[in-house]
Structures are given as structure tokens and as C-alpha cells.
Amino acid sequence: MSRKDQVRSLVQQLAGEIYNYIKENEARFKDGKVPTAIIKKELELNFVCVPKANKQHGAKGWVFAALARMLEDQEKIEYQKTGNRSFCKTK
């Protein structure tokens, strides 16, 4: 397997873990929609995304955002934004 294929496989595995987490936690919420803030907090998915020499004000949820988008593109989850809050639900 090429290095590129290996990296893509690992990223897909990460997305699969996010999917499994969402599916397992839907029952905790009345409408089955898991708040993305909860996902990022419980899985500790906030990271700084710039080199140390650059400035960023705190960690952000960019890892989760990329993985959630992959799952959306694969039609495995629904993403909904309501006001300042966002939610995910499996299909």
C-alpha cells in the first residue's frame, strides 16, 4: 500500500470512529442530534492548526470539521446548524 493510500485509510478510520461515537450517543439526546461541541469535548478533538511561529487564539475543531465533512460527503451523517450551535445525526 502506498503512503498516500495508508494515510487515506487512517483518516477514513478516524471518520469511522466519529461515526460510531455519534451513533452510540444519539440516544442521549431527545431528537437524536448530538451537539458537535459535545463530540469535540468528549473526544478531545480541538487542536491548534498552525506552526508555533504563527498566531492562533486557542485550539479549534478543525479535525472534527474535516472528518464530519467526509462523513457528510459519504451520506453517513446529517449536519445541522441552528444559531451558534451545530449537531450531527447518523442516517
N, C-alpha and C. Protein backbone atom coordinates (compact mmCIF):
# COMPACT_ATOMS: atom_id res chain seq x y z
N MET A 1 0.85 -1.17 0.00
CA MET A 1 0.00 0.00 0.00
C MET A 1 0.90 1.24 0.00
N SER A 2 0.57 2.20 -0.84
CA SER A 2 1.38 3.41 -0.91
C SER A 2 1.19 4.25 0.35
N ARG A 3 2.09 5.16 0.56
CA ARG A 3 2.00 6.05 1.73
C ARG A 3 0.68 6.84 1.67
N LYS A 4 0.35 7.35 0.48
CA LYS A 4 -0.90 8.10 0.32
C LYS A 4 -2.10 7.25 0.68
N ASP A 5 -2.13 6.02 0.19
CA ASP A 5 -3.25 5.12 0.49
C ASP A 5 -3.33 4.80 1.97
N GLN A 6 -2.18 4.65 2.61
CA GLN A 6 -2.14 4.36 4.04
C GLN A 6 -2.71 5.55 4.84
N VAL A 7 -2.29 6.76 4.48
CA VAL A 7 -2.79 7.96 5.17
C VAL A 7 -4.29 8.08 4.97
N ARG A 8 -4.76 7.90 3.74
CA ARG A 8 -6.21 7.99 3.47
C ARG A 8 -6.98 6.94 4.26
N SER A 9 -6.43 5.76 4.38
CA SER A 9 -7.07 4.70 5.14
C SER A 9 -7.18 5.08 6.62
N LEU A 10 -6.11 5.65 7.16
CA LEU A 10 -6.13 6.06 8.56
C LEU A 10 -7.14 7.18 8.81
N VAL A 11 -7.21 8.13 7.88
CA VAL A 11 -8.17 9.22 8.01
C VAL A 11 -9.59 8.65 7.95
N GLN A 12 -9.82 7.70 7.07
CA GLN A 12 -11.14 7.08 6.97
C GLN A 12 -11.48 6.32 8.25
N GLN A 13 -10.49 5.69 8.86
CA GLN A 13 -10.71 5.01 10.14
C GLN A 13 -11.11 6.01 11.22
N LEU A 14 -10.46 7.17 11.24
CA LEU A 14 -10.84 8.23 12.19
C LEU A 14 -12.29 8.66 11.97
N ALA A 15 -12.65 8.86 10.72
CA ALA A 15 -14.04 9.24 10.40
C ALA A 15 -15.00 8.16 10.87
N GLY A 16 -14.62 6.91 10.70
CA GLY A 16 -15.46 5.79 11.16
C GLY A 16 -15.65 5.81 12.66
N GLU A 17 -14.61 6.16 13.40
CA GLU A 17 -14.73 6.26 14.86
C GLU A 17 -15.67 7.39 15.26
N ILE A 18 -15.60 8.50 14.55
CA ILE A 18 -16.52 9.62 14.82
C ILE A 18 -17.95 9.17 14.54
N TYR A 19 -18.15 8.50 13.42
CA TYR A 19 -19.48 7.99 13.08
C TYR A 19 -20.01 7.07 14.19
N ASN A 20 -19.18 6.14 14.62
CA ASN A 20 -19.60 5.21 15.68
C ASN A 20 -19.94 5.95 16.97
N TYR A 21 -19.16 6.96 17.31
CA TYR A 21 -19.42 7.76 18.50
C TYR A 21 -20.79 8.44 18.39
N ILE A 22 -21.05 9.06 17.24
CA ILE A 22 -22.33 9.75 17.05
C ILE A 22 -23.48 8.76 17.18
N LYS A 23 -23.36 7.63 16.49
CA LYS A 23 -24.42 6.62 16.52
C LYS A 23 -24.67 6.13 17.94
N GLU A 24 -23.61 5.86 18.70
CA GLU A 24 -23.74 5.35 20.06
C GLU A 24 -24.33 6.38 21.02
N ASN A 25 -24.20 7.66 20.71
CA ASN A 25 -24.64 8.71 21.63
C ASN A 25 -25.94 9.39 21.25
N GLU A 26 -26.54 9.02 20.14
CA GLU A 26 -27.79 9.64 19.72
C GLU A 26 -28.90 9.45 20.75
N ALA A 27 -28.92 8.34 21.44
CA ALA A 27 -29.97 8.06 22.43
C ALA A 27 -29.91 9.01 23.62
N ARG A 28 -28.77 9.64 23.85
CA ARG A 28 -28.62 10.58 24.96
C ARG A 28 -29.40 11.87 24.74
N PHE A 29 -29.78 12.13 23.50
CA PHE A 29 -30.42 13.39 23.15
C PHE A 29 -31.81 13.15 22.60
N LYS A 30 -32.75 13.96 23.06
CA LYS A 30 -34.17 13.78 22.75
C LYS A 30 -34.45 13.58 21.26
N ASP A 31 -33.85 14.40 20.44
CA ASP A 31 -34.10 14.32 19.00
C ASP A 31 -33.05 13.49 18.25
N GLY A 32 -32.12 12.91 18.99
CA GLY A 32 -31.09 12.08 18.38
C GLY A 32 -29.95 12.86 17.76
N LYS A 33 -30.00 14.18 17.87
CA LYS A 33 -28.97 15.03 17.29
C LYS A 33 -27.90 15.30 18.35
N VAL A 34 -26.69 14.88 18.06
CA VAL A 34 -25.58 15.01 19.02
C VAL A 34 -24.90 16.36 18.78
N PRO A 35 -24.83 17.22 19.80
CA PRO A 35 -24.16 18.52 19.62
C PRO A 35 -22.67 18.32 19.28
N THR A 36 -22.21 19.05 18.28
CA THR A 36 -20.81 18.90 17.88
C THR A 36 -19.87 19.36 18.99
N ALA A 37 -20.31 20.30 19.81
CA ALA A 37 -19.48 20.74 20.93
C ALA A 37 -19.22 19.59 21.90
N ILE A 38 -20.22 18.74 22.11
CA ILE A 38 -20.08 17.57 22.98
C ILE A 38 -19.10 16.57 22.35
N ILE A 39 -19.24 16.35 21.04
CA ILE A 39 -18.36 15.41 20.34
C ILE A 39 -16.91 15.86 20.48
N LYS A 40 -16.67 17.14 20.18
CA LYS A 40 -15.30 17.67 20.23
C LYS A 40 -14.75 17.65 21.65
N LYS A 41 -15.59 17.94 22.63
CA LYS A 41 -15.12 17.97 24.02
C LYS A 41 -14.82 16.56 24.52
N GLU A 42 -15.77 15.64 24.35
CA GLU A 42 -15.59 14.30 24.90
C GLU A 42 -14.49 13.51 24.21
N LEU A 43 -14.28 13.76 22.92
CA LEU A 43 -13.22 13.07 22.19
C LEU A 43 -11.93 13.89 22.12
N GLU A 44 -11.95 15.05 22.77
CA GLU A 44 -10.79 15.95 22.79
C GLU A 44 -10.24 16.19 21.39
N LEU A 45 -11.09 16.74 20.53
CA LEU A 45 -10.74 16.94 19.12
C LEU A 45 -10.38 18.37 18.77
N ASN A 46 -10.15 19.23 19.74
CA ASN A 46 -9.72 20.60 19.44
C ASN A 46 -8.20 20.67 19.46
N PHE A 47 -7.64 21.17 18.37
CA PHE A 47 -6.19 21.26 18.22
C PHE A 47 -5.82 22.61 17.62
N VAL A 48 -4.61 23.05 17.90
CA VAL A 48 -4.06 24.22 17.23
C VAL A 48 -3.57 23.77 15.86
N CYS A 49 -3.90 24.54 14.84
CA CYS A 49 -3.60 24.07 13.47
C CYS A 49 -2.53 24.88 12.76
N VAL A 50 -1.80 25.69 13.49
CA VAL A 50 -0.75 26.48 12.84
C VAL A 50 0.58 26.20 13.52
N PRO A 51 1.69 26.41 12.82
CA PRO A 51 3.00 26.26 13.45
C PRO A 51 3.14 27.21 14.64
N LYS A 52 4.03 26.89 15.54
CA LYS A 52 4.22 27.70 16.75
C LYS A 52 4.56 29.15 16.44
N ALA A 53 5.26 29.39 15.33
CA ALA A 53 5.66 30.75 14.98
C ALA A 53 4.46 31.62 14.57
N ASN A 54 3.37 31.01 14.15
CA ASN A 54 2.17 31.74 13.75
C ASN A 54 1.27 31.93 14.96
N LYS A 55 0.27 32.76 14.83
CA LYS A 55 -0.62 33.03 15.96
C LYS A 55 -2.01 32.46 15.69
N GLN A 56 -2.53 31.80 16.68
CA GLN A 56 -3.91 31.36 16.66
C GLN A 56 -4.40 31.47 18.09
N HIS A 57 -5.57 31.94 18.26
CA HIS A 57 -6.12 32.13 19.60
C HIS A 57 -6.86 30.87 20.05
N GLY A 58 -6.11 29.91 20.57
CA GLY A 58 -6.69 28.70 21.12
C GLY A 58 -6.89 27.60 20.10
N ALA A 59 -7.19 26.44 20.64
CA ALA A 59 -7.42 25.26 19.80
C ALA A 59 -8.79 25.36 19.12
N LYS A 60 -8.88 24.76 17.97
CA LYS A 60 -10.12 24.79 17.18
C LYS A 60 -10.52 23.36 16.81
N GLY A 61 -11.72 23.21 16.33
CA GLY A 61 -12.25 21.90 15.98
C GLY A 61 -12.05 21.52 14.52
N TRP A 62 -10.93 21.89 13.93
CA TRP A 62 -10.71 21.64 12.51
C TRP A 62 -10.63 20.16 12.18
N VAL A 63 -10.10 19.34 13.08
CA VAL A 63 -10.02 17.89 12.80
C VAL A 63 -11.43 17.33 12.69
N PHE A 64 -12.27 17.66 13.67
CA PHE A 64 -13.65 17.19 13.63
C PHE A 64 -14.36 17.69 12.38
N ALA A 65 -14.17 18.96 12.04
CA ALA A 65 -14.84 19.53 10.88
C ALA A 65 -14.50 18.76 9.60
N ALA A 66 -13.24 18.44 9.42
CA ALA A 66 -12.82 17.71 8.22
C ALA A 66 -13.42 16.30 8.20
N LEU A 67 -13.41 15.63 9.35
CA LEU A 67 -13.94 14.27 9.41
C LEU A 67 -15.46 14.26 9.24
N ALA A 68 -16.14 15.24 9.84
CA ALA A 68 -17.59 15.34 9.68
C ALA A 68 -17.95 15.59 8.22
N ARG A 69 -17.18 16.42 7.55
CA ARG A 69 -17.45 16.69 6.14
C ARG A 69 -17.28 15.42 5.30
N MET A 70 -16.27 14.63 5.62
CA MET A 70 -16.09 13.36 4.91
C MET A 70 -17.32 12.48 5.09
N LEU A 71 -17.82 12.40 6.32
CA LEU A 71 -18.99 11.58 6.60
C LEU A 71 -20.23 12.12 5.90
N GLU A 72 -20.34 13.45 5.83
CA GLU A 72 -21.45 14.06 5.09
C GLU A 72 -21.37 13.71 3.61
N ASP A 73 -20.18 13.82 3.03
CA ASP A 73 -19.99 13.52 1.61
C ASP A 73 -20.31 12.05 1.31
N GLN A 74 -20.08 11.19 2.29
CA GLN A 74 -20.37 9.76 2.14
C GLN A 74 -21.83 9.45 2.50
N GLU A 75 -22.59 10.51 2.83
CA GLU A 75 -24.00 10.42 3.19
C GLU A 75 -24.24 9.50 4.39
N LYS A 76 -23.32 9.56 5.36
CA LYS A 76 -23.44 8.76 6.57
C LYS A 76 -24.03 9.56 7.73
N ILE A 77 -23.85 10.90 7.70
CA ILE A 77 -24.41 11.74 8.75
C ILE A 77 -25.13 12.94 8.15
N GLU A 78 -25.99 13.51 8.97
CA GLU A 78 -26.63 14.79 8.64
C GLU A 78 -26.04 15.82 9.59
N TYR A 79 -25.69 16.98 9.06
CA TYR A 79 -25.13 18.07 9.85
C TYR A 79 -26.15 19.19 9.83
N GLN A 80 -26.44 19.75 11.00
CA GLN A 80 -27.41 20.84 11.09
C GLN A 80 -26.85 21.94 11.97
N LYS A 81 -27.00 23.16 11.53
CA LYS A 81 -26.58 24.31 12.33
C LYS A 81 -27.82 25.11 12.68
N THR A 82 -27.98 25.38 13.97
CA THR A 82 -29.09 26.17 14.47
C THR A 82 -28.51 27.28 15.33
N GLY A 83 -28.57 28.50 14.84
CA GLY A 83 -27.96 29.61 15.56
C GLY A 83 -26.46 29.41 15.65
N ASN A 84 -25.93 29.44 16.86
CA ASN A 84 -24.49 29.23 17.07
C ASN A 84 -24.14 27.78 17.37
N ARG A 85 -25.11 26.91 17.39
CA ARG A 85 -24.87 25.51 17.74
C ARG A 85 -25.01 24.62 16.51
N SER A 86 -24.26 23.54 16.50
CA SER A 86 -24.37 22.59 15.39
C SER A 86 -24.52 21.18 15.96
N PHE A 87 -25.12 20.32 15.15
CA PHE A 87 -25.49 18.98 15.57
C PHE A 87 -25.22 17.99 14.45
N CYS A 88 -24.99 16.73 14.84
CA CYS A 88 -24.83 15.65 13.87
C CYS A 88 -25.74 14.50 14.24
N LYS A 89 -26.25 13.83 13.22
CA LYS A 89 -27.09 12.65 13.40
C LYS A 89 -26.77 11.68 12.29
N THR A 90 -26.70 10.39 12.61
CA THR A 90 -26.41 9.40 11.57
C THR A 90 -27.66 9.20 10.72
N LYS A 91 -27.43 8.76 9.49
CA LYS A 91 -28.54 8.48 8.57
C LYS A 91 -28.93 7.03 8.66
